[in-house]
């Protein structure tokens, strides 16, 4: 029995060693390897589509050529060409075209699923298109160690390893590729802000000392300055999750918005509308008169605009000391 166990243990050690050998990254005969995309330059790529493991996608396309003075311009075609930021896209494209075959992991198709670089099992799929219509598909897979990522080019069996790019660099979130500041006004500019929601209409104006006051404040009532400042911050600085496009949709709920803010700055009037909520991610549709685009904004950024009542803007009166309370500190 002891001899039998020793044989089984030996077989197990050999199997482990073979497995490690099969999946241990190793340099190819050429040392540093060859370029994965030998005829591709980042500047020639005009479209890029990213898909994650859950099937979520984002598409990016080049809308203007690069020049000596200006970088190329990019946009989100599925959101009516909402501007994307070239300085976020170009570095990723340069990392992709810089991939090499220097660290070969496997040459077998059977390993693709395990390394998550299969056609139907991947962490990221990146589809590239060049100006002449040539298309490439790159799969980014699992990470065997910190900073390392498996990758494979469609049409090839070989899978390689790189430390130069990770799946975190290639995100399907629109916020990863755009300037998320949807509307930004100088907080000191507004002279009057009117908030309308299901709980009423609240008018805030600045007094001669530059302090906010609430119209209709009664004698003995004190303004809850912190809550008013929260509202001013929310309506002057709007950060989006993602753009939706320029066309209004009945589902956006803008015919009967949940909240409307009118911001007077002295030289212009800005309107901000908060529409329907997405039942899945809880975000709200928002539209500013300063932009032709409808966008989605996180719930916490608009919740006070929708839910606040007059009581939220008025300090509760101090609790009176009950009559006859003669409690004193004893020595």
C-alpha atoms as a PDB file:
ATOM      1  CA  UNK A   1       0.000   0.000   0.000  1.00  0.00           C
ATOM      2  CA  UNK A   2       2.832   2.398   0.913  1.00  0.00           C
ATOM      3  CA  UNK A   3       4.548   1.709  -2.401  1.00  0.00           C
ATOM      4  CA  UNK A   4       1.268   2.304  -4.241  1.00  0.00           C
ATOM      5  CA  UNK A   5       0.780   5.690  -2.557  1.00  0.00           C
ATOM      6  CA  UNK A   6       4.321   6.711  -3.456  1.00  0.00           C
ATOM      7  CA  UNK A   7       3.646   5.905  -7.109  1.00  0.00           C
ATOM      8  CA  UNK A   8       0.421   7.928  -7.085  1.00  0.00           C
ATOM      9  CA  UNK A   9       2.199  10.857  -5.446  1.00  0.00           C
ATOM     10  CA  UNK A  10       4.910  10.701  -8.070  1.00  0.00           C
ATOM     11  CA  UNK A  11       2.384  10.710 -10.892  1.00  0.00           C
ATOM     12  CA  UNK A  12       0.649  13.740  -9.328  1.00  0.00           C
ATOM     13  CA  UNK A  13       3.929  15.659  -9.108  1.00  0.00           C
ATOM     14  CA  UNK A  14       4.645  14.923 -12.772  1.00  0.00           C
ATOM     15  CA  UNK A  15       1.154  16.097 -13.782  1.00  0.00           C
ATOM     16  CA  UNK A  16       1.565  19.340 -11.864  1.00  0.00           C
ATOM     17  CA  UNK A  17       4.977  19.922 -13.409  1.00  0.00           C
ATOM     18  CA  UNK A  18       3.622  19.344 -16.904  1.00  0.00           C
ATOM     19  CA  UNK A  19       0.720  21.711 -16.251  1.00  0.00           C
ATOM     20  CA  UNK A  20       3.049  24.424 -14.997  1.00  0.00           C
ATOM     21  CA  UNK A  21       5.322  23.910 -18.000  1.00  0.00           C
ATOM     22  CA  UNK A  22       2.416  24.120 -20.439  1.00  0.00           C
ATOM     23  CA  UNK A  23       1.152  27.429 -19.056  1.00  0.00           C
ATOM     24  CA  UNK A  24       4.392  29.042 -17.950  1.00  0.00           C
ATOM     25  CA  UNK A  25       5.076  32.164 -20.059  1.00  0.00           C
ATOM     26  CA  UNK A  26       8.273  31.793 -22.056  1.00  0.00           C
ATOM     27  CA  UNK A  27      10.069  33.816 -24.638  1.00  0.00           C
ATOM     28  CA  UNK A  28       9.917  32.753 -28.247  1.00  0.00           C
ATOM     29  CA  UNK A  29      13.051  31.908 -30.201  1.00  0.00           C
ATOM     30  CA  UNK A  30      13.311  35.517 -31.310  1.00  0.00           C
ATOM     31  CA  UNK A  31      13.851  36.710 -27.719  1.00  0.00           C
ATOM     32  CA  UNK A  32      11.690  39.821 -27.444  1.00  0.00           C
ATOM     33  CA  UNK A  33       9.228  38.431 -29.953  1.00  0.00           C
ATOM     34  CA  UNK A  34       7.697  39.982 -33.022  1.00  0.00           C
ATOM     35  CA  UNK A  35       4.989  42.675 -33.146  1.00  0.00           C
ATOM     36  CA  UNK A  36       1.520  41.181 -32.866  1.00  0.00           C
ATOM     37  CA  UNK A  37       0.332  43.804 -35.374  1.00  0.00           C
ATOM     38  CA  UNK A  38       3.341  44.229 -37.689  1.00  0.00           C
ATOM     39  CA  UNK A  39       1.557  46.519 -40.160  1.00  0.00           C
ATOM     40  CA  UNK A  40      -0.600  48.527 -37.768  1.00  0.00           C
ATOM     41  CA  UNK A  41      -0.066  52.003 -36.336  1.00  0.00           C
ATOM     42  CA  UNK A  42      -2.220  53.673 -33.709  1.00  0.00           C
ATOM     43  CA  UNK A  43      -2.778  56.709 -35.947  1.00  0.00           C
ATOM     44  CA  UNK A  44      -4.380  54.558 -38.674  1.00  0.00           C
ATOM     45  CA  UNK A  45      -7.100  53.173 -36.379  1.00  0.00           C
ATOM     46  CA  UNK A  46     -10.424  54.936 -36.953  1.00  0.00           C
ATOM     47  CA  UNK A  47     -12.838  52.811 -34.927  1.00  0.00           C
ATOM     48  CA  UNK A  48     -12.725  50.785 -31.763  1.00  0.00           C
ATOM     49  CA  UNK A  49     -15.427  48.678 -30.100  1.00  0.00           C
ATOM     50  CA  UNK A  50     -14.964  47.144 -26.657  1.00  0.00           C
ATOM     51  CA  UNK A  51     -17.075  44.290 -25.283  1.00  0.00           C
ATOM     52  CA  UNK A  52     -16.842  42.905 -21.759  1.00  0.00           C
ATOM     53  CA  UNK A  53     -17.598  39.467 -20.371  1.00  0.00           C
ATOM     54  CA  UNK A  54     -21.242  40.425 -19.677  1.00  0.00           C
ATOM     55  CA  UNK A  55     -21.884  41.555 -23.243  1.00  0.00           C
ATOM     56  CA  UNK A  56     -21.753  45.282 -22.480  1.00  0.00           C
ATOM     57  CA  UNK A  57     -20.191  47.277 -25.302  1.00  0.00           C
ATOM     58  CA  UNK A  58     -18.959  50.747 -26.111  1.00  0.00           C
ATOM     59  CA  UNK A  59     -18.061  52.041 -29.559  1.00  0.00           C
ATOM     60  CA  UNK A  60     -15.594  54.833 -30.310  1.00  0.00           C
ATOM     61  CA  UNK A  61     -14.844  56.346 -33.696  1.00  0.00           C
ATOM     62  CA  UNK A  62     -12.445  58.925 -35.031  1.00  0.00           C
ATOM     63  CA  UNK A  63     -14.239  62.030 -36.298  1.00  0.00           C
ATOM     64  CA  UNK A  64     -11.292  64.192 -37.291  1.00  0.00           C
ATOM     65  CA  UNK A  65      -7.721  63.543 -38.482  1.00  0.00           C
ATOM     66  CA  UNK A  66      -4.645  64.244 -36.428  1.00  0.00           C
ATOM     67  CA  UNK A  67      -2.543  67.284 -37.325  1.00  0.00           C
ATOM     68  CA  UNK A  68       0.699  68.814 -36.142  1.00  0.00           C
ATOM     69  CA  UNK A  69      -1.169  71.217 -33.874  1.00  0.00           C
ATOM     70  CA  UNK A  70      -4.190  69.162 -32.834  1.00  0.00           C
ATOM     71  CA  UNK A  71      -4.727  65.535 -31.799  1.00  0.00           C
ATOM     72  CA  UNK A  72      -7.321  63.470 -33.614  1.00  0.00           C
ATOM     73  CA  UNK A  73     -10.892  63.931 -32.447  1.00  0.00           C
ATOM     74  CA  UNK A  74     -12.986  60.983 -31.284  1.00  0.00           C
ATOM     75  CA  UNK A  75     -16.655  60.471 -30.447  1.00  0.00           C
ATOM     76  CA  UNK A  76     -19.263  57.983 -29.226  1.00  0.00           C
ATOM     77  CA  UNK A  77     -21.309  57.200 -32.364  1.00  0.00           C
ATOM     78  CA  UNK A  78     -24.101  55.529 -30.392  1.00  0.00           C
ATOM     79  CA  UNK A  79     -24.653  58.777 -28.463  1.00  0.00           C
ATOM     80  CA  UNK A  80     -24.915  61.112 -31.455  1.00  0.00           C
ATOM     81  CA  UNK A  81     -21.145  61.570 -31.606  1.00  0.00           C
ATOM     82  CA  UNK A  82     -20.753  62.838 -28.069  1.00  0.00           C
ATOM     83  CA  UNK A  83     -17.097  63.975 -27.884  1.00  0.00           C
ATOM     84  CA  UNK A  84     -14.597  61.482 -26.480  1.00  0.00           C
ATOM     85  CA  UNK A  85     -11.104  62.372 -25.294  1.00  0.00           C
ATOM     86  CA  UNK A  86      -8.214  61.499 -27.577  1.00  0.00           C
ATOM     87  CA  UNK A  87      -5.769  61.699 -24.684  1.00  0.00           C
ATOM     88  CA  UNK A  88      -7.557  58.742 -23.100  1.00  0.00           C
ATOM     89  CA  UNK A  89      -7.920  56.711 -26.306  1.00  0.00           C
ATOM     90  CA  UNK A  90      -4.555  57.183 -28.040  1.00  0.00           C
ATOM     91  CA  UNK A  91      -2.412  55.760 -25.186  1.00  0.00           C
ATOM     92  CA  UNK A  92      -4.544  52.600 -25.147  1.00  0.00           C
ATOM     93  CA  UNK A  93      -4.261  52.191 -28.919  1.00  0.00           C
ATOM     94  CA  UNK A  94      -0.498  52.610 -28.675  1.00  0.00           C
ATOM     95  CA  UNK A  95      -0.354  49.881 -26.017  1.00  0.00           C
ATOM     96  CA  UNK A  96      -2.394  47.566 -28.237  1.00  0.00           C
ATOM     97  CA  UNK A  97      -0.303  48.037 -31.385  1.00  0.00           C
ATOM     98  CA  UNK A  98       2.832  47.669 -29.238  1.00  0.00           C
ATOM     99  CA  UNK A  99       1.977  44.120 -28.133  1.00  0.00           C
ATOM    100  CA  UNK A 100       4.556  41.488 -29.036  1.00  0.00           C
ATOM    101  CA  UNK A 101       4.774  37.705 -29.189  1.00  0.00           C
ATOM    102  CA  UNK A 102       7.712  37.591 -26.765  1.00  0.00           C
ATOM    103  CA  UNK A 103       5.939  35.750 -23.941  1.00  0.00           C
ATOM    104  CA  UNK A 104       4.237  32.720 -25.427  1.00  0.00           C
ATOM    105  CA  UNK A 105       1.885  30.865 -23.067  1.00  0.00           C
ATOM    106  CA  UNK A 106       0.293  28.232 -25.281  1.00  0.00           C
ATOM    107  CA  UNK A 107      -0.252  27.233 -28.889  1.00  0.00           C
ATOM    108  CA  UNK A 108      -3.368  25.116 -28.303  1.00  0.00           C
ATOM    109  CA  UNK A 109      -6.964  26.089 -28.997  1.00  0.00           C
ATOM    110  CA  UNK A 110      -8.060  23.916 -26.083  1.00  0.00           C
ATOM    111  CA  UNK A 111      -6.459  26.391 -23.667  1.00  0.00           C
ATOM    112  CA  UNK A 112      -8.394  29.440 -24.838  1.00  0.00           C
ATOM    113  CA  UNK A 113     -11.335  29.032 -22.481  1.00  0.00           C
ATOM    114  CA  UNK A 114      -9.111  28.405 -19.492  1.00  0.00           C
ATOM    115  CA  UNK A 115      -7.169  31.594 -20.244  1.00  0.00           C
ATOM    116  CA  UNK A 116     -10.390  33.466 -21.120  1.00  0.00           C
ATOM    117  CA  UNK A 117      -9.310  34.411 -24.621  1.00  0.00           C
ATOM    118  CA  UNK A 118     -11.902  32.272 -26.424  1.00  0.00           C
ATOM    119  CA  UNK A 119     -14.421  33.595 -28.931  1.00  0.00           C
ATOM    120  CA  UNK A 120     -17.250  32.914 -26.467  1.00  0.00           C
ATOM    121  CA  UNK A 121     -15.343  33.325 -23.197  1.00  0.00           C
ATOM    122  CA  UNK A 122     -13.220  36.430 -22.719  1.00  0.00           C
ATOM    123  CA  UNK A 123     -12.704  39.297 -20.305  1.00  0.00           C
ATOM    124  CA  UNK A 124     -12.462  41.920 -23.055  1.00  0.00           C
ATOM    125  CA  UNK A 125     -12.940  41.766 -26.794  1.00  0.00           C
ATOM    126  CA  UNK A 126     -11.457  44.687 -28.730  1.00  0.00           C
ATOM    127  CA  UNK A 127     -12.483  45.215 -32.358  1.00  0.00           C
ATOM    128  CA  UNK A 128     -10.304  47.604 -34.333  1.00  0.00           C
ATOM    129  CA  UNK A 129     -10.810  49.088 -37.783  1.00  0.00           C
ATOM    130  CA  UNK A 130      -8.352  51.073 -39.866  1.00  0.00           C
ATOM    131  CA  UNK A 131      -8.956  53.782 -42.441  1.00  0.00           C
ATOM    132  CA  UNK A 132      -8.650  51.280 -45.299  1.00  0.00           C
ATOM    133  CA  UNK A 133     -11.321  49.006 -43.778  1.00  0.00           C
ATOM    134  CA  UNK A 134      -8.978  46.373 -42.330  1.00  0.00           C
ATOM    135  CA  UNK A 135     -10.383  44.835 -39.141  1.00  0.00           C
ATOM    136  CA  UNK A 136      -8.692  43.119 -36.206  1.00  0.00           C
ATOM    137  CA  UNK A 137     -10.099  41.450 -33.109  1.00  0.00           C
ATOM    138  CA  UNK A 138      -8.060  41.123 -29.936  1.00  0.00           C
ATOM    139  CA  UNK A 139      -9.064  39.088 -26.884  1.00  0.00           C
ATOM    140  CA  UNK A 140      -7.816  40.040 -23.428  1.00  0.00           C
ATOM    141  CA  UNK A 141      -8.168  37.300 -20.859  1.00  0.00           C
ATOM    142  CA  UNK A 142      -7.333  36.280 -17.339  1.00  0.00           C
ATOM    143  CA  UNK A 143      -4.619  37.726 -15.162  1.00  0.00           C
ATOM    144  CA  UNK A 144      -2.316  35.018 -13.747  1.00  0.00           C
ATOM    145  CA  UNK A 145      -0.489  37.561 -11.583  1.00  0.00           C
ATOM    146  CA  UNK A 146      -0.655  41.231 -10.706  1.00  0.00           C
ATOM    147  CA  UNK A 147      -0.250  43.398 -13.807  1.00  0.00           C
ATOM    148  CA  UNK A 148      -0.076  40.460 -16.228  1.00  0.00           C
ATOM    149  CA  UNK A 149      -2.768  39.707 -18.819  1.00  0.00           C
ATOM    150  CA  UNK A 150      -3.270  36.915 -21.344  1.00  0.00           C
ATOM    151  CA  UNK A 151      -4.086  38.014 -24.904  1.00  0.00           C
ATOM    152  CA  UNK A 152      -4.772  36.453 -28.272  1.00  0.00           C
ATOM    153  CA  UNK A 153      -5.364  37.761 -31.778  1.00  0.00           C
ATOM    154  CA  UNK A 154      -8.427  36.300 -33.497  1.00  0.00           C
ATOM    155  CA  UNK A 155      -7.478  33.798 -36.163  1.00  0.00           C
ATOM    156  CA  UNK A 156      -4.416  32.637 -34.235  1.00  0.00           C
ATOM    157  CA  UNK A 157      -4.119  29.762 -31.771  1.00  0.00           C
ATOM    158  CA  UNK A 158      -1.203  31.253 -29.842  1.00  0.00           C
ATOM    159  CA  UNK A 159      -1.890  33.013 -26.554  1.00  0.00           C
ATOM    160  CA  UNK A 160       0.641  35.388 -25.033  1.00  0.00           C
ATOM    161  CA  UNK A 161       1.192  37.285 -21.809  1.00  0.00           C
ATOM    162  CA  UNK A 162       1.851  41.003 -21.335  1.00  0.00           C
ATOM    163  CA  UNK A 163       2.444  43.476 -18.547  1.00  0.00           C
ATOM    164  CA  UNK A 164       1.922  46.442 -20.870  1.00  0.00           C
ATOM    165  CA  UNK A 165      -1.870  46.470 -20.884  1.00  0.00           C
ATOM    166  CA  UNK A 166      -4.638  45.171 -18.651  1.00  0.00           C
ATOM    167  CA  UNK A 167      -8.392  44.798 -18.873  1.00  0.00           C
ATOM    168  CA  UNK A 168      -8.682  47.785 -16.519  1.00  0.00           C
ATOM    169  CA  UNK A 169      -7.177  49.935 -19.283  1.00  0.00           C
ATOM    170  CA  UNK A 170      -9.994  48.923 -21.629  1.00  0.00           C
ATOM    171  CA  UNK A 171     -13.313  49.644 -19.975  1.00  0.00           C
ATOM    172  CA  UNK A 172     -16.815  49.608 -21.430  1.00  0.00           C
ATOM    173  CA  UNK A 173     -17.854  52.515 -19.200  1.00  0.00           C
ATOM    174  CA  UNK A 174     -18.370  55.723 -21.176  1.00  0.00           C
ATOM    175  CA  UNK A 175     -16.896  57.633 -18.243  1.00  0.00           C
ATOM    176  CA  UNK A 176     -13.530  56.054 -19.057  1.00  0.00           C
ATOM    177  CA  UNK A 177     -13.375  57.821 -22.426  1.00  0.00           C
ATOM    178  CA  UNK A 178     -15.108  61.188 -21.997  1.00  0.00           C
ATOM    179  CA  UNK A 179     -15.000  64.315 -19.887  1.00  0.00           C
ATOM    180  CA  UNK A 180     -17.717  63.497 -17.352  1.00  0.00           C
ATOM    181  CA  UNK A 181     -18.352  67.137 -16.475  1.00  0.00           C
ATOM    182  CA  UNK A 182     -21.705  67.718 -18.166  1.00  0.00           C
ATOM    183  CA  UNK A 183     -22.404  71.204 -16.835  1.00  0.00           C
ATOM    184  CA  UNK A 184     -20.153  73.479 -14.822  1.00  0.00           C
ATOM    185  CA  UNK A 185     -21.037  76.998 -13.697  1.00  0.00           C
ATOM    186  CA  UNK A 186     -19.038  79.271 -11.469  1.00  0.00           C
ATOM    187  CA  UNK A 187     -20.637  78.691  -8.085  1.00  0.00           C
ATOM    188  CA  UNK A 188     -20.345  82.386  -7.262  1.00  0.00           C
ATOM    189  CA  UNK A 189     -22.207  83.475 -10.400  1.00  0.00           C
ATOM    190  CA  UNK A 190     -25.838  82.532  -9.627  1.00  0.00           C
ATOM    191  CA  UNK A 191     -27.926  85.303  -8.091  1.00  0.00           C
ATOM    192  CA  UNK A 192     -31.133  83.281  -7.935  1.00  0.00           C
ATOM    193  CA  UNK A 193     -31.963  79.579  -8.061  1.00  0.00           C
ATOM    194  CA  UNK A 194     -35.520  78.282  -8.335  1.00  0.00           C
ATOM    195  CA  UNK A 195     -36.119  74.613  -7.601  1.00  0.00           C
ATOM    196  CA  UNK A 196     -39.397  72.951  -8.535  1.00  0.00           C
ATOM    197  CA  UNK A 197     -40.319  69.403  -7.557  1.00  0.00           C
ATOM    198  CA  UNK A 198     -43.357  67.466  -6.371  1.00  0.00           C
ATOM    199  CA  UNK A 199     -43.009  69.075  -2.928  1.00  0.00           C
ATOM    200  CA  UNK A 200     -43.272  72.674  -4.111  1.00  0.00           C
ATOM    201  CA  UNK A 201     -41.351  75.601  -5.566  1.00  0.00           C
ATOM    202  CA  UNK A 202     -38.381  76.988  -3.638  1.00  0.00           C
ATOM    203  CA  UNK A 203     -36.763  80.285  -4.579  1.00  0.00           C
ATOM    204  CA  UNK A 204     -33.294  81.083  -3.275  1.00  0.00           C
ATOM    205  CA  UNK A 205     -31.797  84.543  -3.778  1.00  0.00           C
ATOM    206  CA  UNK A 206     -28.613  86.224  -2.617  1.00  0.00           C
ATOM    207  CA  UNK A 207     -28.895  89.131  -0.216  1.00  0.00           C
ATOM    208  CA  UNK A 208     -26.657  92.193  -0.194  1.00  0.00           C
ATOM    209  CA  UNK A 209     -24.097  90.302   1.871  1.00  0.00           C
ATOM    210  CA  UNK A 210     -23.921  87.533  -0.715  1.00  0.00           C
ATOM    211  CA  UNK A 211     -25.729  85.020   1.522  1.00  0.00           C
ATOM    212  CA  UNK A 212     -28.516  82.781   0.272  1.00  0.00           C
ATOM    213  CA  UNK A 213     -32.030  83.392   1.560  1.00  0.00           C
ATOM    214  CA  UNK A 214     -35.238  81.443   0.998  1.00  0.00           C
ATOM    215  CA  UNK A 215     -38.264  83.308  -0.247  1.00  0.00           C
ATOM    216  CA  UNK A 216     -41.158  83.053   2.219  1.00  0.00           C
ATOM    217  CA  UNK A 217     -39.011  82.409   5.268  1.00  0.00           C
ATOM    218  CA  UNK A 218     -41.173  83.252   8.281  1.00  0.00           C
ATOM    219  CA  UNK A 219     -40.284  85.231  11.373  1.00  0.00           C
ATOM    220  CA  UNK A 220     -38.336  83.050  13.762  1.00  0.00           C
ATOM    221  CA  UNK A 221     -37.347  80.570  11.035  1.00  0.00           C
ATOM    222  CA  UNK A 222     -33.697  80.073  10.213  1.00  0.00           C
ATOM    223  CA  UNK A 223     -32.326  78.868   6.906  1.00  0.00           C
ATOM    224  CA  UNK A 224     -30.555  75.483   6.814  1.00  0.00           C
ATOM    225  CA  UNK A 225     -27.530  76.878   5.002  1.00  0.00           C
ATOM    226  CA  UNK A 226     -25.783  73.548   4.532  1.00  0.00           C
ATOM    227  CA  UNK A 227     -28.764  72.074   2.686  1.00  0.00           C
ATOM    228  CA  UNK A 228     -29.116  75.168   0.508  1.00  0.00           C
ATOM    229  CA  UNK A 229     -25.416  75.007  -0.354  1.00  0.00           C
ATOM    230  CA  UNK A 230     -25.885  71.364  -1.329  1.00  0.00           C
ATOM    231  CA  UNK A 231     -28.583  72.380  -3.813  1.00  0.00           C
ATOM    232  CA  UNK A 232     -26.433  75.174  -5.253  1.00  0.00           C
ATOM    233  CA  UNK A 233     -23.550  72.729  -5.700  1.00  0.00           C
ATOM    234  CA  UNK A 234     -25.806  70.162  -7.390  1.00  0.00           C
ATOM    235  CA  UNK A 235     -27.237  72.598  -9.947  1.00  0.00           C
ATOM    236  CA  UNK A 236     -23.959  74.327 -10.815  1.00  0.00           C
ATOM    237  CA  UNK A 237     -21.809  71.210 -11.201  1.00  0.00           C
ATOM    238  CA  UNK A 238     -23.334  68.181 -12.919  1.00  0.00           C
ATOM    239  CA  UNK A 239     -21.250  65.053 -13.436  1.00  0.00           C
ATOM    240  CA  UNK A 240     -22.632  62.416 -15.789  1.00  0.00           C
ATOM    241  CA  UNK A 241     -22.346  58.672 -15.964  1.00  0.00           C
ATOM    242  CA  UNK A 242     -22.829  58.540 -19.728  1.00  0.00           C
ATOM    243  CA  UNK A 243     -24.389  60.515 -22.593  1.00  0.00           C
ATOM    244  CA  UNK A 244     -27.559  59.274 -24.252  1.00  0.00           C
ATOM    245  CA  UNK A 245     -27.753  61.412 -27.381  1.00  0.00           C
ATOM    246  CA  UNK A 246     -29.523  64.481 -28.717  1.00  0.00           C
ATOM    247  CA  UNK A 247     -32.951  63.044 -29.455  1.00  0.00           C
ATOM    248  CA  UNK A 248     -35.585  63.175 -26.758  1.00  0.00           C
ATOM    249  CA  UNK A 249     -37.300  59.919 -25.872  1.00  0.00           C
ATOM    250  CA  UNK A 250     -40.693  59.747 -24.184  1.00  0.00           C
ATOM    251  CA  UNK A 251     -39.142  57.322 -21.698  1.00  0.00           C
ATOM    252  CA  UNK A 252     -36.860  60.123 -20.471  1.00  0.00           C
ATOM    253  CA  UNK A 253     -39.859  61.686 -18.703  1.00  0.00           C
ATOM    254  CA  UNK A 254     -39.068  65.245 -19.718  1.00  0.00           C
ATOM    255  CA  UNK A 255     -42.727  66.103 -20.383  1.00  0.00           C
ATOM    256  CA  UNK A 256     -43.207  65.954 -16.632  1.00  0.00           C
ATOM    257  CA  UNK A 257     -39.749  66.202 -15.042  1.00  0.00           C
ATOM    258  CA  UNK A 258     -39.211  65.108 -11.444  1.00  0.00           C
ATOM    259  CA  UNK A 259     -37.306  68.328 -10.774  1.00  0.00           C
ATOM    260  CA  UNK A 260     -36.541  71.558 -12.593  1.00  0.00           C
ATOM    261  CA  UNK A 261     -33.889  74.065 -11.559  1.00  0.00           C
ATOM    262  CA  UNK A 262     -33.699  77.573 -13.009  1.00  0.00           C
ATOM    263  CA  UNK A 263     -30.350  79.256 -12.428  1.00  0.00           C
ATOM    264  CA  UNK A 264     -30.069  83.033 -12.912  1.00  0.00           C
ATOM    265  CA  UNK A 265     -26.487  84.254 -13.243  1.00  0.00           C
ATOM    266  CA  UNK A 266     -27.042  87.906 -14.080  1.00  0.00           C
ATOM    267  CA  UNK A 267     -26.092  87.514 -17.725  1.00  0.00           C
ATOM    268  CA  UNK A 268     -27.997  84.335 -18.606  1.00  0.00           C
ATOM    269  CA  UNK A 269     -30.592  81.840 -17.432  1.00  0.00           C
ATOM    270  CA  UNK A 270     -29.778  78.130 -17.334  1.00  0.00           C
ATOM    271  CA  UNK A 271     -32.425  75.417 -17.029  1.00  0.00           C
ATOM    272  CA  UNK A 272     -31.721  71.964 -15.627  1.00  0.00           C
ATOM    273  CA  UNK A 273     -34.297  69.166 -15.903  1.00  0.00           C
ATOM    274  CA  UNK A 274     -34.250  65.852 -14.022  1.00  0.00           C
ATOM    275  CA  UNK A 275     -36.239  63.090 -15.666  1.00  0.00           C
ATOM    276  CA  UNK A 276     -37.059  59.411 -15.255  1.00  0.00           C
ATOM    277  CA  UNK A 277     -35.057  56.924 -13.244  1.00  0.00           C
ATOM    278  CA  UNK A 278     -33.540  53.765 -14.673  1.00  0.00           C
ATOM    279  CA  UNK A 279     -34.859  50.815 -12.616  1.00  0.00           C
ATOM    280  CA  UNK A 280     -31.599  48.912 -12.995  1.00  0.00           C
ATOM    281  CA  UNK A 281     -28.786  51.322 -12.127  1.00  0.00           C
ATOM    282  CA  UNK A 282     -31.067  53.937 -10.452  1.00  0.00           C
ATOM    283  CA  UNK A 283     -29.579  56.757 -12.541  1.00  0.00           C
ATOM    284  CA  UNK A 284     -31.708  59.635 -13.824  1.00  0.00           C
ATOM    285  CA  UNK A 285     -31.948  61.302 -17.215  1.00  0.00           C
ATOM    286  CA  UNK A 286     -30.791  64.927 -17.030  1.00  0.00           C
ATOM    287  CA  UNK A 287     -30.957  67.693 -19.633  1.00  0.00           C
ATOM    288  CA  UNK A 288     -29.351  71.124 -19.435  1.00  0.00           C
ATOM    289  CA  UNK A 289     -30.309  74.068 -21.598  1.00  0.00           C
ATOM    290  CA  UNK A 290     -26.550  74.545 -22.035  1.00  0.00           C
ATOM    291  CA  UNK A 291     -26.152  71.269 -23.928  1.00  0.00           C
ATOM    292  CA  UNK A 292     -27.947  69.545 -26.823  1.00  0.00           C
ATOM    293  CA  UNK A 293     -27.317  66.156 -25.136  1.00  0.00           C
ATOM    294  CA  UNK A 294     -29.401  64.131 -22.722  1.00  0.00           C
ATOM    295  CA  UNK A 295     -27.270  62.294 -20.179  1.00  0.00           C
ATOM    296  CA  UNK A 296     -27.549  59.886 -17.274  1.00  0.00           C
ATOM    297  CA  UNK A 297     -26.558  61.060 -13.816  1.00  0.00           C
ATOM    298  CA  UNK A 298     -26.093  59.017 -10.645  1.00  0.00           C
ATOM    299  CA  UNK A 299     -29.052  59.009  -8.259  1.00  0.00           C
ATOM    300  CA  UNK A 300     -27.174  60.613  -5.352  1.00  0.00           C
ATOM    301  CA  UNK A 301     -26.322  63.632  -7.505  1.00  0.00           C
ATOM    302  CA  UNK A 302     -29.967  64.558  -8.117  1.00  0.00           C
ATOM    303  CA  UNK A 303     -31.815  63.018  -5.179  1.00  0.00           C
ATOM    304  CA  UNK A 304     -31.978  66.282  -3.135  1.00  0.00           C
ATOM    305  CA  UNK A 305     -33.380  68.116  -6.168  1.00  0.00           C
ATOM    306  CA  UNK A 306     -36.181  65.570  -6.448  1.00  0.00           C
ATOM    307  CA  UNK A 307     -36.991  64.839  -2.824  1.00  0.00           C
ATOM    308  CA  UNK A 308     -36.254  67.923  -0.725  1.00  0.00           C
ATOM    309  CA  UNK A 309     -39.183  69.637   0.978  1.00  0.00           C
ATOM    310  CA  UNK A 310     -39.443  73.040   2.620  1.00  0.00           C
ATOM    311  CA  UNK A 311     -38.558  71.447   5.940  1.00  0.00           C
ATOM    312  CA  UNK A 312     -35.170  70.441   4.552  1.00  0.00           C
ATOM    313  CA  UNK A 313     -34.309  74.111   3.977  1.00  0.00           C
ATOM    314  CA  UNK A 314     -35.442  75.400   7.369  1.00  0.00           C
ATOM    315  CA  UNK A 315     -33.587  74.800  10.623  1.00  0.00           C
ATOM    316  CA  UNK A 316     -35.811  73.181  13.235  1.00  0.00           C
ATOM    317  CA  UNK A 317     -36.414  75.492  16.202  1.00  0.00           C
ATOM    318  CA  UNK A 318     -34.413  74.742  19.364  1.00  0.00           C
ATOM    319  CA  UNK A 319     -36.081  72.421  21.816  1.00  0.00           C
ATOM    320  CA  UNK A 320     -37.430  74.558  24.696  1.00  0.00           C
ATOM    321  CA  UNK A 321     -36.435  73.745  28.222  1.00  0.00           C
ATOM    322  CA  UNK A 322     -39.435  72.280  30.060  1.00  0.00           C
ATOM    323  CA  UNK A 323     -40.917  74.588  32.671  1.00  0.00           C
ATOM    324  CA  UNK A 324     -40.048  73.682  36.212  1.00  0.00           C
ATOM    325  CA  UNK A 325     -36.772  71.996  35.217  1.00  0.00           C
ATOM    326  CA  UNK A 326     -34.434  73.198  37.949  1.00  0.00           C
ATOM    327  CA  UNK A 327     -31.758  70.626  37.381  1.00  0.00           C
ATOM    328  CA  UNK A 328     -28.348  72.063  38.213  1.00  0.00           C
ATOM    329  CA  UNK A 329     -24.902  70.659  38.344  1.00  0.00           C
ATOM    330  CA  UNK A 330     -24.002  69.535  41.837  1.00  0.00           C
ATOM    331  CA  UNK A 331     -20.552  70.010  43.285  1.00  0.00           C
END
